């Protein structure tokens, strides 16, 4: 099947209607940009739609956002574009879009596509932040790691003896779960939990250095698990602690996340320190080693995606 598998990409629209491969492959749109790039350079790509098994809808809200369009206008533009494809090509109606897919990694793009019900219900959505309240359907839709490149440091090596801090998290307390995390552990001497501490001018490098000396990096969910925090933790060899009741982890069909991460229920936040301290040094070495081994899969995905 892999030898015969083909993807057809609908032709880009007029650049003025915002449908094009993003030029920037950095920042918040890194994952989305590389996804576009990898498909276009893939051996699975075909120019003959009759040979295609899947159809890629090239929706990108990057330029729309830069133009300052409202969510309502973005939704209308996306809807008009998708409906034009349905009218112009016969392929959507054969499966009502079940063999169509699109990618949107930023909240902006996700909100713009939610307003197109048949697109959300029928097509495969590749998203960086799976959210139940945005209609994400496990086993139909697909989680893509959100990666913000370029990284400031090289990928970590296996160095368990240099990991002196039990756990680390720093960020904004912009959700109930994060506020609970800060309230419970901000003053702890073994868990380094910091709120609103990252100054863009002076604090970023210090924050990243702490990822290199912590055993476990807390990745608190909200309505979704923050994908970029997980990928950043893995890049620095820090075992991600996924603090969430709702998650659909990337590549879970080929990666056993239990071998390089810890999953903690939100209700166990008061027991977080006890849970981490109960993990033996031997088990930590195992998790840390495996986290380092999967780092290449989160660098960016050329090898895992459409190579």
Protein backbone atom coordinates (compact mmCIF):
# COMPACT_ATOMS: atom_id res chain seq x y z
CA UNK A 1 0.00 0.00 0.00
CA UNK A 2 2.83 2.41 0.85
CA UNK A 3 4.30 2.04 -2.64
CA UNK A 4 0.99 2.92 -4.27
CA UNK A 5 -0.15 5.59 -1.77
CA UNK A 6 -0.69 9.01 -3.38
CA UNK A 7 -1.80 12.47 -2.25
CA UNK A 8 -3.27 15.12 -4.50
CA UNK A 9 -2.91 18.74 -3.44
CA UNK A 10 -5.58 21.07 -4.70
CA UNK A 11 -3.94 23.92 -6.63
CA UNK A 12 -3.17 26.97 -4.52
CA UNK A 13 -5.63 29.80 -4.89
CA UNK A 14 -4.80 33.33 -5.83
CA UNK A 15 -2.24 34.65 -3.29
CA UNK A 16 -4.68 37.45 -2.60
CA UNK A 17 -7.07 34.90 -1.19
CA UNK A 18 -4.38 33.73 1.22
CA UNK A 19 -3.94 30.13 0.11
CA UNK A 20 -0.25 29.43 -0.34
CA UNK A 21 2.57 27.63 1.37
CA UNK A 22 3.77 29.93 4.17
CA UNK A 23 7.18 31.40 3.43
CA UNK A 24 8.11 31.51 7.09
CA UNK A 25 9.12 28.19 8.65
CA UNK A 26 9.72 29.62 12.09
CA UNK A 27 7.73 30.71 15.12
CA UNK A 28 4.18 29.56 15.79
CA UNK A 29 3.66 28.45 12.21
CA UNK A 30 6.70 26.14 12.01
CA UNK A 31 4.73 22.88 12.12
CA UNK A 32 2.14 24.07 9.63
CA UNK A 33 4.80 25.42 7.27
CA UNK A 34 6.87 22.25 7.31
CA UNK A 35 3.75 20.18 6.77
CA UNK A 36 3.05 22.10 3.56
CA UNK A 37 6.69 21.92 2.51
CA UNK A 38 7.07 18.19 3.15
CA UNK A 39 3.93 17.28 1.23
CA UNK A 40 5.04 19.28 -1.80
CA UNK A 41 8.43 17.55 -1.77
CA UNK A 42 7.04 14.11 -1.00
CA UNK A 43 7.32 10.99 -3.11
CA UNK A 44 3.63 10.42 -2.35
CA UNK A 45 2.59 13.55 -4.23
CA UNK A 46 0.71 13.07 -7.50
CA UNK A 47 -0.54 15.51 -10.10
CA UNK A 48 -3.20 13.04 -11.20
CA UNK A 49 -6.17 13.20 -8.80
CA UNK A 50 -7.57 9.96 -10.22
CA UNK A 51 -4.59 8.14 -8.68
CA UNK A 52 -4.94 9.84 -5.28
CA UNK A 53 -5.98 8.10 -2.08
CA UNK A 54 -6.14 11.34 -0.10
CA UNK A 55 -6.78 14.96 -1.07
CA UNK A 56 -5.01 17.82 0.69
CA UNK A 57 -6.87 21.12 1.03
CA UNK A 58 -4.18 23.83 1.25
CA UNK A 59 -5.76 26.03 3.89
CA UNK A 60 -3.38 28.38 5.65
CA UNK A 61 -4.58 31.24 7.81
CA UNK A 62 -1.10 32.68 8.26
CA UNK A 63 -1.46 35.45 5.72
CA UNK A 64 -5.08 36.08 6.67
CA UNK A 65 -4.01 36.84 10.21
CA UNK A 66 -1.30 39.20 8.98
CA UNK A 67 -3.95 41.02 6.93
CA UNK A 68 -5.88 41.61 10.15
CA UNK A 69 -9.07 39.81 9.14
CA UNK A 70 -11.60 39.00 11.84
CA UNK A 71 -12.44 35.41 12.68
CA UNK A 72 -15.80 35.88 10.98
CA UNK A 73 -14.16 37.03 7.74
CA UNK A 74 -11.61 34.23 7.93
CA UNK A 75 -14.39 31.67 8.34
CA UNK A 76 -16.27 33.10 5.35
CA UNK A 77 -13.12 33.05 3.21
CA UNK A 78 -12.32 29.46 4.15
CA UNK A 79 -15.90 28.39 3.48
CA UNK A 80 -15.96 30.06 0.07
CA UNK A 81 -12.68 28.44 -0.90
CA UNK A 82 -13.70 24.94 0.19
CA UNK A 83 -17.09 25.25 -1.51
CA UNK A 84 -15.36 26.36 -4.72
CA UNK A 85 -13.31 23.16 -4.64
CA UNK A 86 -16.45 21.09 -4.15
CA UNK A 87 -18.08 22.72 -7.17
CA UNK A 88 -14.99 22.64 -9.40
CA UNK A 89 -13.82 19.08 -8.64
CA UNK A 90 -15.84 15.84 -8.32
CA UNK A 91 -13.71 14.22 -5.62
CA UNK A 92 -15.31 15.63 -2.47
CA UNK A 93 -18.77 14.30 -3.33
CA UNK A 94 -17.52 10.75 -3.78
CA UNK A 95 -16.92 10.41 -0.03
CA UNK A 96 -18.42 13.66 1.29
CA UNK A 97 -14.90 14.74 2.18
CA UNK A 98 -13.88 11.68 4.21
CA UNK A 99 -10.71 11.27 2.11
CA UNK A 100 -9.81 14.97 2.38
CA UNK A 101 -7.53 16.50 4.98
CA UNK A 102 -6.09 19.85 5.96
CA UNK A 103 -3.66 21.17 8.57
CA UNK A 104 -4.04 24.05 10.97
CA UNK A 105 -1.63 24.41 13.84
CA UNK A 106 -2.49 27.79 15.29
CA UNK A 107 -5.64 28.64 17.22
CA UNK A 108 -6.46 31.24 14.57
CA UNK A 109 -6.68 28.70 11.80
CA UNK A 110 -8.60 26.26 13.95
CA UNK A 111 -11.24 28.85 14.78
CA UNK A 112 -11.52 29.85 11.13
CA UNK A 113 -12.25 26.28 10.05
CA UNK A 114 -14.64 25.43 12.88
CA UNK A 115 -17.21 27.63 11.17
CA UNK A 116 -17.36 25.27 8.20
CA UNK A 117 -19.35 22.33 9.66
CA UNK A 118 -18.97 19.84 6.78
CA UNK A 119 -15.21 20.41 6.78
CA UNK A 120 -14.92 19.73 10.52
CA UNK A 121 -17.34 16.81 10.57
CA UNK A 122 -16.19 14.89 7.52
CA UNK A 123 -12.57 15.70 6.72
CA UNK A 124 -9.43 14.68 8.55
CA UNK A 125 -8.13 17.58 10.61
CA UNK A 126 -4.41 17.69 11.37
CA UNK A 127 -4.15 19.98 14.38
CA UNK A 128 -1.50 20.89 16.93
CA UNK A 129 -3.89 21.43 19.82
CA UNK A 130 -6.61 18.79 19.94
CA UNK A 131 -9.60 20.26 21.74
CA UNK A 132 -12.91 18.60 22.53
CA UNK A 133 -14.70 21.93 22.38
CA UNK A 134 -13.51 22.48 18.80
CA UNK A 135 -15.01 19.24 17.59
CA UNK A 136 -11.81 17.20 17.55
CA UNK A 137 -12.64 13.56 16.85
CA UNK A 138 -10.01 11.00 17.96
CA UNK A 139 -9.23 8.29 15.40
CA UNK A 140 -10.49 10.55 12.59
CA UNK A 141 -8.45 13.65 13.27
CA UNK A 142 -4.72 13.64 13.83
CA UNK A 143 -2.52 15.46 16.37
CA UNK A 144 0.62 17.09 14.98
CA UNK A 145 3.41 18.19 17.34
CA UNK A 146 3.56 21.95 17.62
CA UNK A 147 7.21 22.88 17.29
CA UNK A 148 8.57 26.40 17.47
CA UNK A 149 11.87 26.54 15.60
CA UNK A 150 14.68 27.36 15.46
CA UNK A 151 15.68 25.93 18.82
CA UNK A 152 18.02 28.05 20.92
CA UNK A 153 20.07 25.05 22.04
CA UNK A 154 21.16 21.82 20.44
CA UNK A 155 19.23 18.68 21.24
CA UNK A 156 20.14 17.20 24.60
CA UNK A 157 22.31 14.14 25.08
CA UNK A 158 21.88 11.36 27.59
CA UNK A 159 23.04 13.04 30.81
CA UNK A 160 21.02 11.74 33.78
CA UNK A 161 23.65 12.74 36.34
CA UNK A 162 23.39 16.41 35.33
CA UNK A 163 19.66 16.48 36.05
CA UNK A 164 19.62 17.93 39.56
CA UNK A 165 16.16 19.54 39.75
CA UNK A 166 13.19 17.28 40.33
CA UNK A 167 10.76 19.21 38.13
CA UNK A 168 10.37 22.49 36.28
CA UNK A 169 7.62 24.64 34.82
CA UNK A 170 7.49 28.33 33.96
CA UNK A 171 4.77 30.26 32.19
CA UNK A 172 1.64 32.34 32.48
CA UNK A 173 -1.11 31.35 34.90
CA UNK A 174 -3.79 31.74 32.26
CA UNK A 175 -5.88 28.69 33.11
CA UNK A 176 -7.42 27.17 36.20
CA UNK A 177 -5.07 24.20 36.07
CA UNK A 178 -1.99 26.37 35.82
CA UNK A 179 -3.16 28.51 38.73
CA UNK A 180 -3.63 25.34 40.77
CA UNK A 181 -0.13 24.22 39.84
CA UNK A 182 1.37 27.53 40.92
CA UNK A 183 -0.67 27.69 44.11
CA UNK A 184 0.34 24.18 45.14
CA UNK A 185 4.04 24.23 44.26
CA UNK A 186 5.38 27.73 43.64
CA UNK A 187 7.21 27.85 46.96
CA UNK A 188 8.46 24.28 46.91
CA UNK A 189 12.20 23.69 47.24
CA UNK A 190 12.36 20.65 44.93
CA UNK A 191 9.83 21.54 42.25
CA UNK A 192 10.83 24.70 40.40
CA UNK A 193 7.43 26.16 39.52
CA UNK A 194 7.40 29.76 38.33
CA UNK A 195 4.58 32.01 37.14
CA UNK A 196 4.93 34.97 34.77
CA UNK A 197 8.70 34.76 35.01
CA UNK A 198 9.81 34.73 31.39
CA UNK A 199 10.99 38.14 30.24
CA UNK A 200 11.47 38.14 26.46
CA UNK A 201 14.55 40.33 26.77
CA UNK A 202 16.37 38.62 29.62
CA UNK A 203 14.57 35.52 30.80
CA UNK A 204 14.26 33.20 27.80
CA UNK A 205 17.75 31.70 27.85
CA UNK A 206 17.66 31.20 31.62
CA UNK A 207 14.32 29.47 31.26
CA UNK A 208 15.64 27.13 28.56
CA UNK A 209 18.77 26.33 30.56
CA UNK A 210 16.56 25.02 33.34
CA UNK A 211 15.08 22.52 30.90
CA UNK A 212 18.58 21.08 30.58
CA UNK A 213 18.98 20.49 34.33
CA UNK A 214 15.53 19.21 35.30
CA UNK A 215 14.52 15.58 35.40
CA UNK A 216 10.86 16.23 34.69
CA UNK A 217 9.18 19.11 32.85
CA UNK A 218 5.55 19.79 33.70
CA UNK A 219 3.26 20.17 30.69
CA UNK A 220 -0.09 21.31 32.08
CA UNK A 221 -3.07 20.91 29.82
CA UNK A 222 -6.12 23.12 29.69
CA UNK A 223 -8.71 22.12 27.16
CA UNK A 224 -5.70 20.74 25.30
CA UNK A 225 -2.13 19.74 25.99
CA UNK A 226 0.24 22.49 24.88
CA UNK A 227 2.13 20.72 22.08
CA UNK A 228 5.09 23.09 21.85
CA UNK A 229 5.89 22.64 25.54
CA UNK A 230 6.01 18.87 25.12
CA UNK A 231 8.26 19.08 22.06
CA UNK A 232 10.54 21.59 23.79
CA UNK A 233 10.87 19.35 26.84
CA UNK A 234 11.81 16.37 24.69
CA UNK A 235 14.32 18.46 22.74
CA UNK A 236 16.07 19.30 26.01
CA UNK A 237 15.96 15.72 27.27
CA UNK A 238 13.56 16.62 30.07
CA UNK A 239 10.96 13.91 30.64
CA UNK A 240 7.55 15.50 29.93
CA UNK A 241 4.93 15.19 32.65
CA UNK A 242 1.61 15.49 30.84
CA UNK A 243 -0.79 16.94 33.36
CA UNK A 244 -4.14 16.53 31.69
CA UNK A 245 -7.30 14.44 31.70
CA UNK A 246 -7.85 14.90 27.96
CA UNK A 247 -5.08 14.27 25.49
CA UNK A 248 -4.44 12.65 22.13
CA UNK A 249 -0.69 12.43 21.75
CA UNK A 250 1.14 12.63 18.40
CA UNK A 251 2.26 9.39 16.77
CA UNK A 252 0.68 7.30 19.52
CA UNK A 253 0.21 4.46 17.04
CA UNK A 254 3.98 4.14 16.60
CA UNK A 255 5.40 5.72 19.78
CA UNK A 256 4.82 4.27 23.23
CA UNK A 257 4.58 7.48 25.26
CA UNK A 258 4.74 5.51 28.51
CA UNK A 259 8.41 4.85 27.75
CA UNK A 260 9.47 8.53 27.69
CA UNK A 261 6.80 10.52 29.54
CA UNK A 262 4.67 10.54 32.66
CA UNK A 263 0.91 11.11 32.51
CA UNK A 264 -0.74 12.59 35.59
CA UNK A 265 -4.43 13.27 36.07
CA UNK A 266 -5.44 16.85 36.78
CA UNK A 267 -7.03 15.79 40.05
CA UNK A 268 -3.67 14.52 41.29
CA UNK A 269 -1.96 17.90 41.12
CA UNK A 270 -1.59 18.01 44.92
CA UNK A 271 0.18 14.66 44.74
CA UNK A 272 2.53 15.71 41.92
CA UNK A 273 5.69 15.84 44.00
CA UNK A 274 4.99 12.52 45.65
CA UNK A 275 4.32 10.90 42.26
CA UNK A 276 7.60 12.15 40.81
CA UNK A 277 9.68 11.28 43.88
CA UNK A 278 8.36 7.73 43.81
CA UNK A 279 9.93 7.22 40.38
CA UNK A 280 13.19 5.37 40.93
CA UNK A 281 16.47 6.62 39.51
CA UNK A 282 16.60 3.54 37.29
CA UNK A 283 13.13 4.33 35.89
CA UNK A 284 14.10 7.97 35.37
CA UNK A 285 17.22 6.92 33.42
CA UNK A 286 15.00 4.73 31.25
CA UNK A 287 12.54 7.56 30.57
CA UNK A 288 15.29 10.13 30.01
CA UNK A 289 17.20 7.86 27.63
CA UNK A 290 14.08 7.21 25.56
CA UNK A 291 13.18 10.91 25.48
CA UNK A 292 16.60 11.63 24.00
CA UNK A 293 16.13 8.83 21.46
CA UNK A 294 12.84 10.24 20.12
CA UNK A 295 14.19 13.79 19.86
CA UNK A 296 14.85 13.50 16.14
CA UNK A 297 11.18 12.80 15.56
CA UNK A 298 10.37 16.25 16.91
CA UNK A 299 13.09 18.21 15.09
CA UNK A 300 11.13 18.50 12.31
CA UNK A 301 9.27 15.64 10.91
CA UNK A 302 10.80 15.28 7.46
CA UNK A 303 11.57 11.66 8.18
CA UNK A 304 8.26 10.85 9.79
CA UNK A 305 6.14 12.83 7.38
CA UNK A 306 5.90 12.10 3.69
CA UNK A 307 9.62 11.40 3.21
